[in-house]
Amino acid sequence: MPRDWDAFYRKAHGPREPAFVVRAFGPLAPPGPVLDLAGGLGRNAHYFLQRGHPVVLVERSREALRRLADTPGLTLQALDLEAPGAERALPPGPFAAILMSYYVNRPLLEALPPLLLPGGLLLVEGFTRKEAARRGRPESPFYWEPLELLTPPPGLSLKAFGEGWMGGWRAFAAYLKP
């Protein structure tokens, strides 16, 4: 993971394809606003904006936020999600969908269900511990454990799960608020 996200985003070019879990399950989100956590340059946010959802993108990189300024339908919030009490600074919702794409924060994941509308989706995707070992980072906390995403946060049910090689060892889950 980059240590300096502002430097990383200064060098980043062009829009990237949305995460798999967004492409596969985003169309199932009910109408309403979407919360994109650690949204970077907005690859997932743009997907939802193009489908008529207003999006709140939370990001700590001032450079990423600067580059996204003035995007119609996009509300930006500067927030370090790693800071103590960050979950209390999140927008209150309710949201039709919440995204955690290539960002691992287990305590935050547990705090998200109350922010969802009934029928809302929590979409999670990221690299697994197997990918951490392949990259020589076996002790990094920023990877999902094997089968970890099979267990939904309290108050949600598992709609879909996958884990395996997808251009790197990855896992995804789509959780539903009943």
Protein backbone atom coordinates (compact mmCIF):
# COMPACT_ATOMS: atom_id res chain seq x y z
CA MET A 1 0.00 0.00 0.00
CA PRO A 2 1.31 3.47 -0.76
CA ARG A 3 2.46 5.43 2.26
CA ASP A 4 1.74 8.76 0.55
CA TRP A 5 -1.69 8.62 -1.06
CA ASP A 6 -1.47 12.19 -2.34
CA ALA A 7 1.69 11.33 -4.30
CA PHE A 8 0.04 8.15 -5.55
CA TYR A 9 -3.02 10.01 -6.86
CA ARG A 10 -0.92 12.78 -8.44
CA LYS A 11 0.60 10.08 -10.69
CA ALA A 12 -2.60 8.11 -11.33
CA HIS A 13 -4.04 8.39 -14.84
CA GLY A 14 -7.50 8.04 -16.27
CA PRO A 15 -10.58 6.25 -14.99
CA ARG A 16 -10.30 2.58 -14.11
CA GLU A 17 -12.96 -0.07 -14.38
CA PRO A 18 -15.20 -0.41 -11.30
CA ALA A 19 -14.51 -3.28 -8.92
CA PHE A 20 -15.99 -6.64 -9.89
CA VAL A 21 -18.42 -6.65 -6.94
CA VAL A 22 -19.74 -3.25 -8.06
CA ARG A 23 -20.23 -4.37 -11.68
CA ALA A 24 -21.85 -7.65 -10.62
CA PHE A 25 -24.09 -6.48 -7.76
CA GLY A 26 -24.34 -2.69 -8.11
CA PRO A 27 -27.36 -3.02 -10.42
CA LEU A 28 -29.24 -4.66 -7.53
CA ALA A 29 -28.91 -1.61 -5.26
CA PRO A 30 -32.26 0.03 -4.57
CA PRO A 31 -32.77 3.69 -5.50
CA GLY A 32 -31.01 6.11 -3.20
CA PRO A 33 -27.63 7.51 -2.24
CA VAL A 34 -24.42 5.47 -2.17
CA LEU A 35 -21.50 5.74 0.26
CA ASP A 36 -18.05 5.01 -1.21
CA LEU A 37 -15.45 4.53 1.54
CA ALA A 38 -11.79 5.19 0.70
CA GLY A 39 -13.11 5.97 -2.77
CA GLY A 40 -9.83 7.17 -4.29
CA LEU A 41 -10.38 8.71 -7.71
CA GLY A 42 -13.98 7.55 -7.85
CA ARG A 43 -13.96 4.54 -10.16
CA ASN A 44 -16.86 2.97 -8.24
CA ALA A 45 -18.55 6.30 -7.54
CA HIS A 46 -18.69 7.08 -11.27
CA TYR A 47 -20.40 3.74 -11.89
CA PHE A 48 -23.22 4.67 -9.51
CA LEU A 49 -23.40 8.29 -10.67
CA GLN A 50 -23.94 7.08 -14.24
CA ARG A 51 -26.90 5.07 -12.96
CA GLY A 52 -28.58 8.00 -11.23
CA HIS A 53 -27.43 7.45 -7.63
CA PRO A 54 -26.06 10.43 -5.74
CA VAL A 55 -22.75 9.38 -4.13
CA VAL A 56 -20.90 10.45 -1.00
CA LEU A 57 -17.22 9.62 -1.41
CA VAL A 58 -15.06 9.49 1.72
CA GLU A 59 -11.30 9.78 1.17
CA ARG A 60 -8.29 10.98 3.14
CA SER A 61 -6.20 12.03 0.13
CA ARG A 62 -6.58 15.75 -0.52
CA GLU A 63 -5.21 15.16 -4.03
CA ALA A 64 -7.92 12.64 -4.87
CA LEU A 65 -10.58 14.98 -3.47
CA ARG A 66 -9.14 17.91 -5.47
CA ARG A 67 -9.30 15.87 -8.67
CA LEU A 68 -12.93 14.91 -8.01
CA ALA A 69 -14.13 18.40 -7.07
CA ASP A 70 -17.06 19.68 -9.12
CA THR A 71 -18.20 16.19 -10.20
CA PRO A 72 -22.00 16.48 -10.55
CA GLY A 73 -23.90 14.32 -8.05
CA LEU A 74 -20.78 13.61 -5.99
CA THR A 75 -20.42 14.84 -2.41
CA LEU A 76 -16.88 14.66 -1.03
CA GLN A 77 -15.88 14.17 2.58
CA ALA A 78 -12.26 14.36 3.74
CA LEU A 79 -11.82 11.79 6.48
CA ASP A 80 -9.03 9.50 7.64
CA LEU A 81 -10.93 6.27 8.17
CA GLU A 82 -8.03 4.93 10.24
CA ALA A 83 -8.39 7.71 12.86
CA PRO A 84 -9.95 6.78 16.22
CA GLY A 85 -13.69 7.39 16.14
CA ALA A 86 -13.82 7.79 12.34
CA GLU A 87 -17.04 5.76 12.18
CA ARG A 88 -18.77 8.52 14.18
CA ALA A 89 -17.81 11.07 11.50
CA LEU A 90 -19.42 9.14 8.64
CA PRO A 91 -22.48 10.63 6.94
CA PRO A 92 -25.60 9.31 8.73
CA GLY A 93 -27.32 7.76 5.72
CA PRO A 94 -29.44 5.89 5.08
CA PHE A 95 -27.72 4.57 1.97
CA ALA A 96 -28.88 2.23 -0.80
CA ALA A 97 -25.35 0.82 -1.03
CA ILE A 98 -22.04 1.15 0.77
CA LEU A 99 -18.73 0.25 -0.89
CA MET A 100 -15.47 -0.92 0.65
CA SER A 101 -13.35 -1.69 -2.38
CA TYR A 102 -9.69 -2.57 -1.80
CA TYR A 103 -9.79 -1.11 1.66
CA VAL A 104 -9.71 -3.29 4.78
CA ASN A 105 -10.99 -1.88 8.06
CA ARG A 106 -12.67 -4.55 10.14
CA PRO A 107 -14.02 -2.31 12.95
CA LEU A 108 -15.50 0.06 10.36
CA LEU A 109 -17.12 -2.86 8.51
CA GLU A 110 -18.94 -3.81 11.72
CA ALA A 111 -20.27 -0.24 12.10
CA LEU A 112 -21.86 0.01 8.64
CA PRO A 113 -25.15 -1.99 8.81
CA PRO A 114 -27.16 0.77 10.59
CA LEU A 115 -26.29 3.16 7.74
CA LEU A 116 -28.07 1.01 5.12
CA LEU A 117 -31.66 1.27 3.93
CA PRO A 118 -33.74 -1.91 4.16
CA GLY A 119 -32.85 -3.83 1.00
CA GLY A 120 -29.54 -1.95 0.82
CA LEU A 121 -26.25 -3.58 -0.11
CA LEU A 122 -22.81 -3.55 1.46
CA LEU A 123 -20.31 -4.41 -1.28
CA VAL A 124 -16.79 -5.46 -0.24
CA GLU A 125 -13.85 -6.53 -2.38
CA GLY A 126 -10.12 -6.78 -1.83
CA PHE A 127 -6.97 -8.82 -1.87
CA THR A 128 -6.60 -11.88 0.36
CA ARG A 129 -3.87 -13.07 2.69
CA LYS A 130 -2.72 -15.39 -0.14
CA GLU A 131 -2.03 -12.30 -2.27
CA ALA A 132 -0.15 -10.72 0.66
CA ALA A 133 2.16 -13.74 0.75
CA ARG A 134 2.61 -13.61 -3.03
CA ARG A 135 3.59 -9.94 -2.74
CA GLY A 136 5.99 -10.60 0.16
CA ARG A 137 3.77 -8.85 2.76
CA PRO A 138 2.53 -11.78 4.86
CA GLU A 139 2.06 -9.73 8.05
CA SER A 140 0.19 -6.77 6.53
CA PRO A 141 -3.27 -6.16 8.09
CA PHE A 142 -4.63 -4.81 4.79
CA TYR A 143 -5.67 -8.17 3.33
CA TRP A 144 -8.73 -10.33 3.99
CA GLU A 145 -8.22 -13.67 5.70
CA PRO A 146 -9.31 -16.84 3.87
CA LEU A 147 -13.11 -17.14 3.90
CA GLU A 148 -13.37 -14.10 6.22
CA LEU A 149 -15.96 -12.35 4.06
CA LEU A 150 -18.30 -15.36 4.33
CA THR A 151 -19.39 -14.02 7.73
CA PRO A 152 -21.59 -10.93 7.31
CA PRO A 153 -21.47 -8.02 9.73
CA PRO A 154 -24.23 -8.15 12.37
CA GLY A 155 -27.63 -7.23 10.95
CA LEU A 156 -26.80 -8.25 7.36
CA SER A 157 -27.17 -11.46 5.37
CA LEU A 158 -24.77 -12.85 2.79
CA LYS A 159 -26.06 -12.46 -0.76
CA ALA A 160 -22.91 -13.52 -2.64
CA PHE A 161 -19.30 -14.47 -1.95
CA GLY A 162 -16.30 -15.38 -4.05
CA GLU A 163 -12.64 -15.95 -3.45
CA GLY A 164 -9.83 -16.96 -5.78
CA TRP A 165 -7.50 -15.82 -8.52
CA MET A 166 -8.82 -12.74 -10.34
CA GLY A 167 -5.63 -11.01 -11.51
CA GLY A 168 -4.39 -11.52 -7.95
CA TRP A 169 -5.85 -13.48 -5.04
CA ARG A 170 -9.05 -11.61 -4.25
CA ALA A 171 -12.26 -11.98 -2.31
CA PHE A 172 -15.61 -10.24 -2.61
CA ALA A 173 -18.91 -10.28 -0.77
CA ALA A 174 -22.28 -8.68 -1.24
CA TYR A 175 -24.29 -8.33 1.96
CA LEU A 176 -27.98 -7.45 2.14
CA LYS A 177 -29.87 -5.58 4.84
CA PRO A 178 -33.21 -7.38 5.24
